[in-house]
């Protein structure tokens, strides 16, 4: 069994790399250094229970210490798109907006969008002019401006 363990740990390293390459989201990279250390311990003839213990402790340390650092360095930042330019635009209600009934549409820059009210109880009628304050998925979140 001791002769096989270095190859088992090598398999864990390879599996970690394959999973990481396929997901590209820092999911399994944390297990690779731990498995490499465990593989070295296996080559040195260290008992299996110590190999497993070292692997678990190092994996937990890598996850809790390195993951926050990697998020700061490589974290996904909001990428502005053309849709973001709609925030602050005026929208004309073309179908009554009612969040409780999950319906409503507005027209902005000649395009029709599904819309919801920023105020959950507010209902806007056809023809009302609203401001786009946010975008959630494919829905514009709208409300009346303060001066209306």
N, C-alpha and C. Protein backbone atom coordinates (compact mmCIF):
# COMPACT_ATOMS: atom_id res chain seq x y z
N UNK A 1 0.83 -1.20 0.00
CA UNK A 1 0.00 0.00 0.00
C UNK A 1 0.87 1.25 0.00
N UNK A 2 1.99 1.24 0.74
CA UNK A 2 2.85 2.41 0.83
C UNK A 2 3.47 2.75 -0.52
N UNK A 3 3.69 1.76 -1.36
CA UNK A 3 4.28 2.01 -2.67
C UNK A 3 3.30 2.69 -3.62
N UNK A 4 2.02 2.56 -3.36
CA UNK A 4 0.98 3.09 -4.23
C UNK A 4 0.62 4.53 -3.89
N UNK A 5 0.79 4.92 -2.64
CA UNK A 5 0.33 6.22 -2.17
C UNK A 5 0.92 7.42 -2.92
N UNK A 6 2.20 7.40 -3.30
CA UNK A 6 2.68 8.56 -4.07
C UNK A 6 1.89 8.75 -5.37
N UNK A 7 1.49 7.66 -5.97
CA UNK A 7 0.73 7.74 -7.22
C UNK A 7 -0.71 8.17 -6.97
N UNK A 8 -1.25 7.81 -5.82
CA UNK A 8 -2.58 8.28 -5.45
C UNK A 8 -2.54 9.80 -5.27
N UNK A 9 -1.53 10.30 -4.57
CA UNK A 9 -1.41 11.75 -4.38
C UNK A 9 -1.14 12.47 -5.70
N UNK A 10 -0.36 11.84 -6.57
CA UNK A 10 -0.14 12.39 -7.90
C UNK A 10 -1.47 12.47 -8.66
N UNK A 11 -2.31 11.45 -8.50
CA UNK A 11 -3.63 11.45 -9.11
C UNK A 11 -4.49 12.60 -8.58
N UNK A 12 -4.37 12.89 -7.28
CA UNK A 12 -5.11 14.01 -6.69
C UNK A 12 -4.62 15.33 -7.29
N UNK A 13 -3.31 15.45 -7.49
CA UNK A 13 -2.75 16.66 -8.10
C UNK A 13 -3.30 16.82 -9.52
N UNK A 14 -3.23 15.77 -10.30
CA UNK A 14 -3.70 15.82 -11.69
C UNK A 14 -5.19 16.12 -11.73
N UNK A 15 -5.97 15.47 -10.90
CA UNK A 15 -7.41 15.71 -10.85
C UNK A 15 -7.71 17.16 -10.47
N UNK A 16 -6.97 17.69 -9.51
CA UNK A 16 -7.15 19.09 -9.11
C UNK A 16 -6.88 20.03 -10.29
N UNK A 17 -5.81 19.75 -11.01
CA UNK A 17 -5.46 20.59 -12.16
C UNK A 17 -6.53 20.49 -13.25
N UNK A 18 -6.99 19.28 -13.54
CA UNK A 18 -8.01 19.08 -14.58
C UNK A 18 -9.31 19.80 -14.20
N UNK A 19 -9.74 19.65 -12.96
CA UNK A 19 -10.97 20.33 -12.51
C UNK A 19 -10.79 21.84 -12.58
N UNK A 20 -9.63 22.32 -12.18
CA UNK A 20 -9.38 23.77 -12.20
C UNK A 20 -9.37 24.31 -13.62
N UNK A 21 -8.77 23.57 -14.54
CA UNK A 21 -8.75 24.00 -15.94
C UNK A 21 -10.15 24.01 -16.53
N UNK A 22 -10.96 23.04 -16.15
CA UNK A 22 -12.31 22.97 -16.72
C UNK A 22 -13.27 23.99 -16.11
N UNK A 23 -13.01 24.43 -14.88
CA UNK A 23 -13.92 25.40 -14.26
C UNK A 23 -13.39 26.83 -14.30
N UNK A 24 -12.11 27.01 -14.27
CA UNK A 24 -11.45 28.32 -14.29
C UNK A 24 -12.04 29.27 -13.24
N UNK A 25 -12.30 28.76 -12.07
CA UNK A 25 -12.86 29.64 -11.03
C UNK A 25 -12.30 29.34 -9.65
N UNK A 26 -11.06 28.92 -9.59
CA UNK A 26 -10.38 28.66 -8.32
C UNK A 26 -11.19 27.76 -7.39
N UNK A 27 -11.55 26.60 -7.92
CA UNK A 27 -12.34 25.65 -7.14
C UNK A 27 -11.45 24.59 -6.48
N UNK A 28 -10.55 24.02 -7.23
CA UNK A 28 -9.78 22.89 -6.72
C UNK A 28 -8.29 23.14 -6.64
N UNK A 29 -7.84 24.31 -7.01
CA UNK A 29 -6.41 24.60 -7.02
C UNK A 29 -5.81 24.49 -5.63
N UNK A 30 -6.64 24.65 -4.61
CA UNK A 30 -6.17 24.64 -3.22
C UNK A 30 -5.69 23.27 -2.78
N UNK A 31 -6.12 22.23 -3.47
CA UNK A 31 -5.73 20.86 -3.07
C UNK A 31 -4.42 20.43 -3.71
N UNK A 32 -3.98 21.11 -4.74
CA UNK A 32 -2.77 20.72 -5.45
C UNK A 32 -1.52 20.81 -4.57
N UNK A 33 -1.24 21.94 -3.91
CA UNK A 33 -0.02 21.97 -3.08
C UNK A 33 -0.09 20.99 -1.91
N UNK A 34 -1.27 20.80 -1.37
CA UNK A 34 -1.43 19.85 -0.26
C UNK A 34 -1.13 18.43 -0.71
N UNK A 35 -1.61 18.09 -1.90
CA UNK A 35 -1.36 16.74 -2.43
C UNK A 35 0.11 16.56 -2.78
N UNK A 36 0.77 17.62 -3.25
CA UNK A 36 2.20 17.52 -3.54
C UNK A 36 3.00 17.26 -2.26
N UNK A 37 2.67 17.95 -1.19
CA UNK A 37 3.34 17.71 0.09
C UNK A 37 3.07 16.30 0.58
N UNK A 38 1.82 15.85 0.47
CA UNK A 38 1.47 14.48 0.90
C UNK A 38 2.21 13.46 0.04
N UNK A 39 2.39 13.75 -1.24
CA UNK A 39 3.12 12.83 -2.12
C UNK A 39 4.58 12.73 -1.69
N UNK A 40 5.19 13.86 -1.34
CA UNK A 40 6.58 13.85 -0.85
C UNK A 40 6.67 13.04 0.44
N UNK A 41 5.70 13.23 1.33
CA UNK A 41 5.69 12.45 2.57
C UNK A 41 5.55 10.96 2.29
N UNK A 42 4.75 10.61 1.28
CA UNK A 42 4.57 9.20 0.92
C UNK A 42 5.88 8.61 0.38
N UNK A 43 6.60 9.39 -0.42
CA UNK A 43 7.90 8.92 -0.92
C UNK A 43 8.89 8.72 0.22
N UNK A 44 8.76 9.51 1.29
CA UNK A 44 9.66 9.40 2.43
C UNK A 44 9.25 8.30 3.41
N UNK A 45 8.13 7.63 3.14
CA UNK A 45 7.69 6.53 3.98
C UNK A 45 6.93 6.94 5.23
N UNK A 46 6.39 8.15 5.25
CA UNK A 46 5.60 8.62 6.39
C UNK A 46 4.28 7.85 6.41
N UNK A 47 3.78 7.48 7.60
CA UNK A 47 2.53 6.72 7.68
C UNK A 47 1.36 7.44 6.98
N UNK A 48 0.43 6.64 6.47
CA UNK A 48 -0.70 7.13 5.70
C UNK A 48 -1.55 8.13 6.48
N UNK A 49 -1.78 7.86 7.77
CA UNK A 49 -2.64 8.75 8.54
C UNK A 49 -2.04 10.15 8.66
N UNK A 50 -0.70 10.23 8.71
CA UNK A 50 -0.03 11.54 8.75
C UNK A 50 -0.15 12.23 7.40
N UNK A 51 -0.03 11.47 6.31
CA UNK A 51 -0.19 12.03 4.97
C UNK A 51 -1.58 12.67 4.82
N UNK A 52 -2.59 11.91 5.24
CA UNK A 52 -3.97 12.40 5.12
C UNK A 52 -4.18 13.63 6.00
N UNK A 53 -3.66 13.58 7.23
CA UNK A 53 -3.79 14.70 8.15
C UNK A 53 -3.11 15.96 7.59
N UNK A 54 -1.91 15.80 7.06
CA UNK A 54 -1.19 16.94 6.48
C UNK A 54 -1.96 17.47 5.27
N UNK A 55 -2.48 16.57 4.44
CA UNK A 55 -3.25 16.99 3.27
C UNK A 55 -4.47 17.81 3.69
N UNK A 56 -5.21 17.33 4.68
CA UNK A 56 -6.41 18.04 5.14
C UNK A 56 -6.08 19.40 5.75
N UNK A 57 -5.07 19.44 6.61
CA UNK A 57 -4.71 20.70 7.27
C UNK A 57 -4.21 21.71 6.25
N UNK A 58 -3.34 21.30 5.34
CA UNK A 58 -2.82 22.22 4.33
C UNK A 58 -3.93 22.70 3.38
N UNK A 59 -4.84 21.80 3.03
CA UNK A 59 -5.94 22.19 2.16
C UNK A 59 -6.81 23.26 2.82
N UNK A 60 -7.13 23.05 4.08
CA UNK A 60 -7.94 24.02 4.81
C UNK A 60 -7.21 25.35 4.93
N UNK A 61 -5.91 25.30 5.22
CA UNK A 61 -5.13 26.54 5.31
C UNK A 61 -5.10 27.27 3.97
N UNK A 62 -4.89 26.53 2.90
CA UNK A 62 -4.85 27.15 1.57
C UNK A 62 -6.19 27.81 1.24
N UNK A 63 -7.27 27.13 1.55
CA UNK A 63 -8.59 27.69 1.25
C UNK A 63 -8.84 28.95 2.05
N UNK A 64 -8.59 28.92 3.35
CA UNK A 64 -8.93 30.05 4.20
C UNK A 64 -7.93 31.20 4.14
N UNK A 65 -6.67 30.90 3.83
CA UNK A 65 -5.68 31.97 3.79
C UNK A 65 -5.46 32.53 2.39
N UNK A 66 -5.48 31.67 1.40
CA UNK A 66 -5.14 32.11 0.04
C UNK A 66 -6.35 32.55 -0.77
N UNK A 67 -7.52 31.99 -0.51
CA UNK A 67 -8.69 32.34 -1.31
C UNK A 67 -9.04 33.82 -1.20
N UNK A 68 -9.09 34.42 0.00
CA UNK A 68 -9.38 35.85 0.06
C UNK A 68 -8.34 36.69 -0.67
N UNK A 69 -7.07 36.30 -0.57
CA UNK A 69 -6.01 37.03 -1.26
C UNK A 69 -6.17 36.93 -2.77
N UNK A 70 -6.50 35.75 -3.25
CA UNK A 70 -6.67 35.58 -4.69
C UNK A 70 -7.89 36.33 -5.21
N UNK A 71 -8.93 36.44 -4.39
CA UNK A 71 -10.11 37.21 -4.80
C UNK A 71 -9.77 38.68 -4.94
N UNK A 72 -8.90 39.19 -4.05
CA UNK A 72 -8.48 40.59 -4.16
C UNK A 72 -7.65 40.80 -5.43
N UNK A 73 -6.77 39.85 -5.71
CA UNK A 73 -5.87 40.00 -6.86
C UNK A 73 -6.55 39.72 -8.19
N UNK A 74 -7.36 38.66 -8.23
CA UNK A 74 -7.95 38.22 -9.49
C UNK A 74 -9.46 38.31 -9.52
N UNK A 75 -10.05 38.97 -8.53
CA UNK A 75 -11.50 39.02 -8.41
C UNK A 75 -12.19 39.56 -9.65
N UNK A 76 -13.39 39.05 -9.89
CA UNK A 76 -14.18 39.51 -11.02
C UNK A 76 -14.77 40.87 -10.68
N UNK A 77 -14.52 41.79 -11.54
CA UNK A 77 -15.06 43.12 -11.35
C UNK A 77 -16.22 43.31 -12.31
N UNK A 78 -17.12 44.22 -11.94
CA UNK A 78 -18.26 44.49 -12.80
C UNK A 78 -17.78 45.08 -14.11
N UNK A 79 -18.19 44.49 -15.21
CA UNK A 79 -17.82 44.97 -16.52
C UNK A 79 -18.98 45.78 -17.07
N UNK A 80 -18.72 47.04 -17.33
CA UNK A 80 -19.78 47.90 -17.85
C UNK A 80 -20.13 47.48 -19.28
N UNK A 81 -21.40 47.44 -19.56
CA UNK A 81 -21.87 47.10 -20.90
C UNK A 81 -22.73 48.24 -21.42
N UNK A 82 -23.17 48.11 -22.65
CA UNK A 82 -24.04 49.14 -23.21
C UNK A 82 -25.35 49.26 -22.44
N UNK A 83 -25.81 48.15 -21.89
CA UNK A 83 -27.06 48.15 -21.15
C UNK A 83 -26.95 49.06 -19.93
N UNK A 84 -25.76 49.13 -19.32
CA UNK A 84 -25.56 49.98 -18.15
C UNK A 84 -25.84 51.45 -18.46
N UNK A 85 -25.72 51.83 -19.71
CA UNK A 85 -25.97 53.23 -20.07
C UNK A 85 -27.45 53.58 -19.97
N UNK A 86 -28.32 52.60 -19.82
CA UNK A 86 -29.75 52.87 -19.67
C UNK A 86 -30.09 53.42 -18.28
N UNK A 87 -29.24 53.16 -17.32
CA UNK A 87 -29.50 53.65 -15.96
C UNK A 87 -29.49 55.18 -15.99
N UNK A 88 -30.56 55.75 -15.46
CA UNK A 88 -30.72 57.19 -15.46
C UNK A 88 -31.57 57.72 -16.61
N UNK A 89 -31.86 56.85 -17.59
CA UNK A 89 -32.69 57.25 -18.74
C UNK A 89 -34.16 57.29 -18.34
N UNK A 90 -34.93 58.04 -19.13
CA UNK A 90 -36.38 58.06 -18.94
C UNK A 90 -36.99 56.91 -19.71
N UNK A 91 -38.01 56.29 -19.12
CA UNK A 91 -38.71 55.17 -19.73
C UNK A 91 -40.21 55.46 -19.70
N UNK A 92 -40.87 55.16 -20.80
CA UNK A 92 -42.32 55.36 -20.89
C UNK A 92 -43.00 54.01 -20.70
N UNK A 93 -43.94 53.95 -19.77
CA UNK A 93 -44.66 52.70 -19.49
C UNK A 93 -45.59 52.40 -20.67
N UNK A 94 -45.44 51.20 -21.25
CA UNK A 94 -46.33 50.80 -22.34
C UNK A 94 -47.26 49.67 -21.92
N UNK A 95 -46.97 49.06 -20.78
CA UNK A 95 -47.86 48.06 -20.16
C UNK A 95 -47.78 48.31 -18.67
N UNK A 96 -48.93 48.43 -18.01
CA UNK A 96 -48.95 48.74 -16.58
C UNK A 96 -47.92 47.89 -15.83
N UNK A 97 -47.18 48.55 -14.93
CA UNK A 97 -46.17 47.85 -14.12
C UNK A 97 -46.79 47.52 -12.77
N UNK A 98 -46.79 46.22 -12.45
CA UNK A 98 -47.35 45.74 -11.20
C UNK A 98 -46.48 44.57 -10.73
N UNK A 99 -45.68 44.78 -9.72
CA UNK A 99 -44.77 43.74 -9.23
C UNK A 99 -45.51 42.52 -8.70
N UNK A 100 -46.65 42.74 -8.05
CA UNK A 100 -47.40 41.61 -7.48
C UNK A 100 -47.91 40.68 -8.57
N UNK A 101 -48.26 41.23 -9.72
CA UNK A 101 -48.74 40.42 -10.84
C UNK A 101 -47.60 40.05 -11.79
N UNK A 102 -46.38 40.48 -11.48
CA UNK A 102 -45.19 40.19 -12.28
C UNK A 102 -45.38 40.56 -13.74
N UNK A 103 -45.82 41.80 -13.95
CA UNK A 103 -46.00 42.25 -15.33
C UNK A 103 -45.59 43.71 -15.44
N UNK A 104 -45.31 44.12 -16.65
CA UNK A 104 -44.98 45.49 -16.93
C UNK A 104 -43.92 45.61 -18.00
N UNK A 105 -44.07 46.63 -18.85
CA UNK A 105 -43.09 46.90 -19.89
C UNK A 105 -42.91 48.40 -20.04
N UNK A 106 -41.69 48.76 -20.43
CA UNK A 106 -41.39 50.16 -20.72
C UNK A 106 -40.67 50.24 -22.05
N UNK A 107 -40.66 51.46 -22.59
CA UNK A 107 -39.93 51.71 -23.82
C UNK A 107 -38.85 52.73 -23.51
N UNK A 108 -37.61 52.35 -23.81
CA UNK A 108 -36.45 53.21 -23.58
C UNK A 108 -35.63 53.23 -24.87
N UNK A 109 -35.35 54.42 -25.38
CA UNK A 109 -34.56 54.58 -26.60
C UNK A 109 -35.11 53.73 -27.75
N UNK A 110 -36.41 53.61 -27.81
CA UNK A 110 -37.03 52.86 -28.89
C UNK A 110 -37.06 51.36 -28.69
N UNK A 111 -36.55 50.89 -27.56
CA UNK A 111 -36.53 49.46 -27.27
C UNK A 111 -37.52 49.15 -26.15
N UNK A 112 -38.18 48.00 -26.27
CA UNK A 112 -39.14 47.56 -25.26
C UNK A 112 -38.44 46.63 -24.29
N UNK A 113 -38.63 46.92 -23.00
CA UNK A 113 -38.02 46.14 -21.94
C UNK A 113 -39.08 45.70 -20.94
N UNK A 114 -38.86 44.52 -20.36
CA UNK A 114 -39.67 44.12 -19.21
C UNK A 114 -39.23 45.01 -18.05
N UNK A 115 -40.20 45.47 -17.26
CA UNK A 115 -39.87 46.40 -16.19
C UNK A 115 -40.56 46.02 -14.90
N UNK A 116 -39.94 46.39 -13.81
CA UNK A 116 -40.51 46.23 -12.48
C UNK A 116 -40.31 47.54 -11.73
N UNK A 117 -41.15 47.74 -10.74
CA UNK A 117 -41.07 48.93 -9.91
C UNK A 117 -40.02 48.75 -8.82
N UNK A 118 -39.29 49.80 -8.53
CA UNK A 118 -38.32 49.75 -7.44
C UNK A 118 -39.03 49.66 -6.10
N UNK A 119 -40.20 50.28 -6.01
CA UNK A 119 -41.03 50.20 -4.81
C UNK A 119 -41.98 49.04 -5.00
N UNK A 120 -41.89 48.03 -4.16
CA UNK A 120 -42.62 46.78 -4.42
C UNK A 120 -44.13 46.96 -4.52
N UNK A 121 -44.69 47.97 -3.84
CA UNK A 121 -46.14 48.15 -3.87
C UNK A 121 -46.60 49.16 -4.91
N UNK A 122 -45.67 49.88 -5.52
CA UNK A 122 -46.04 50.92 -6.48
C UNK A 122 -46.54 50.28 -7.78
N UNK A 123 -47.60 50.84 -8.33
CA UNK A 123 -48.15 50.41 -9.61
C UNK A 123 -48.12 51.62 -10.54
N UNK A 124 -47.56 51.43 -11.72
CA UNK A 124 -47.48 52.52 -12.68
C UNK A 124 -48.35 52.19 -13.88
N UNK A 125 -49.06 53.21 -14.36
CA UNK A 125 -50.01 53.03 -15.47
C UNK A 125 -49.35 53.34 -16.80
N UNK A 126 -49.97 52.84 -17.84
CA UNK A 126 -49.51 53.08 -19.21
C UNK A 126 -49.42 54.59 -19.43
N UNK A 127 -48.30 55.03 -20.00
CA UNK A 127 -48.09 56.44 -20.27
C UNK A 127 -47.26 57.16 -19.22
N UNK A 128 -47.09 56.57 -18.03
CA UNK A 128 -46.26 57.20 -17.00
C UNK A 128 -44.81 57.26 -17.49
N UNK A 129 -44.12 58.31 -17.09
CA UNK A 129 -42.70 58.44 -17.41
C UNK A 129 -41.90 58.17 -16.14
N UNK A 130 -40.99 57.20 -16.23
CA UNK A 130 -40.22 56.76 -15.08
C UNK A 130 -38.73 56.91 -15.37
N UNK A 131 -37.93 56.78 -14.34
CA UNK A 131 -36.47 56.74 -14.49
C UNK A 131 -35.99 55.32 -14.25
N UNK A 132 -35.05 54.88 -15.07
CA UNK A 132 -34.42 53.58 -14.88
C UNK A 132 -33.36 53.76 -13.80
N UNK A 133 -33.47 52.99 -12.71
CA UNK A 133 -32.52 53.14 -11.61
C UNK A 133 -31.58 51.94 -11.48
N UNK A 134 -31.97 50.80 -12.09
CA UNK A 134 -31.12 49.61 -11.99
C UNK A 134 -31.53 48.62 -13.07
N UNK A 135 -30.70 47.61 -13.24
CA UNK A 135 -30.99 46.52 -14.17
C UNK A 135 -30.75 45.22 -13.42
N UNK A 136 -31.74 44.35 -13.42
CA UNK A 136 -31.62 43.04 -12.78
C UNK A 136 -31.90 41.99 -13.84
N UNK A 137 -30.87 41.34 -14.30
CA UNK A 137 -31.03 40.37 -15.38
C UNK A 137 -31.46 41.08 -16.64
N UNK A 138 -32.67 40.78 -17.12
CA UNK A 138 -33.20 41.42 -18.33
C UNK A 138 -34.37 42.34 -18.00
N UNK A 139 -34.47 42.73 -16.74
CA UNK A 139 -35.55 43.63 -16.33
C UNK A 139 -34.98 44.98 -15.89
N UNK A 140 -35.67 46.04 -16.31
CA UNK A 140 -35.31 47.37 -15.85
C UNK A 140 -36.08 47.65 -14.57
N UNK A 141 -35.40 48.18 -13.59
CA UNK A 141 -36.03 48.57 -12.33
C UNK A 141 -36.24 50.08 -12.41
N UNK A 142 -37.50 50.50 -12.29
CA UNK A 142 -37.86 51.90 -12.53
C UNK A 142 -38.62 52.49 -11.35
N UNK A 143 -38.57 53.82 -11.29
CA UNK A 143 -39.39 54.55 -10.32
C UNK A 143 -39.57 55.98 -10.82
N UNK A 144 -40.59 56.63 -10.29
CA UNK A 144 -40.83 58.02 -10.67
C UNK A 144 -39.72 58.88 -10.08
N UNK A 145 -39.34 59.88 -10.83
CA UNK A 145 -38.31 60.78 -10.32
C UNK A 145 -38.91 61.67 -9.23
N UNK A 146 -38.06 62.25 -8.42
CA UNK A 146 -38.50 63.07 -7.29
C UNK A 146 -39.24 64.32 -7.75
N UNK A 147 -38.92 64.81 -8.94
CA UNK A 147 -39.56 66.05 -9.40
C UNK A 147 -40.89 65.82 -10.12
N UNK A 148 -41.35 64.59 -10.20
CA UNK A 148 -42.63 64.32 -10.89
C UNK A 148 -43.76 64.21 -9.89
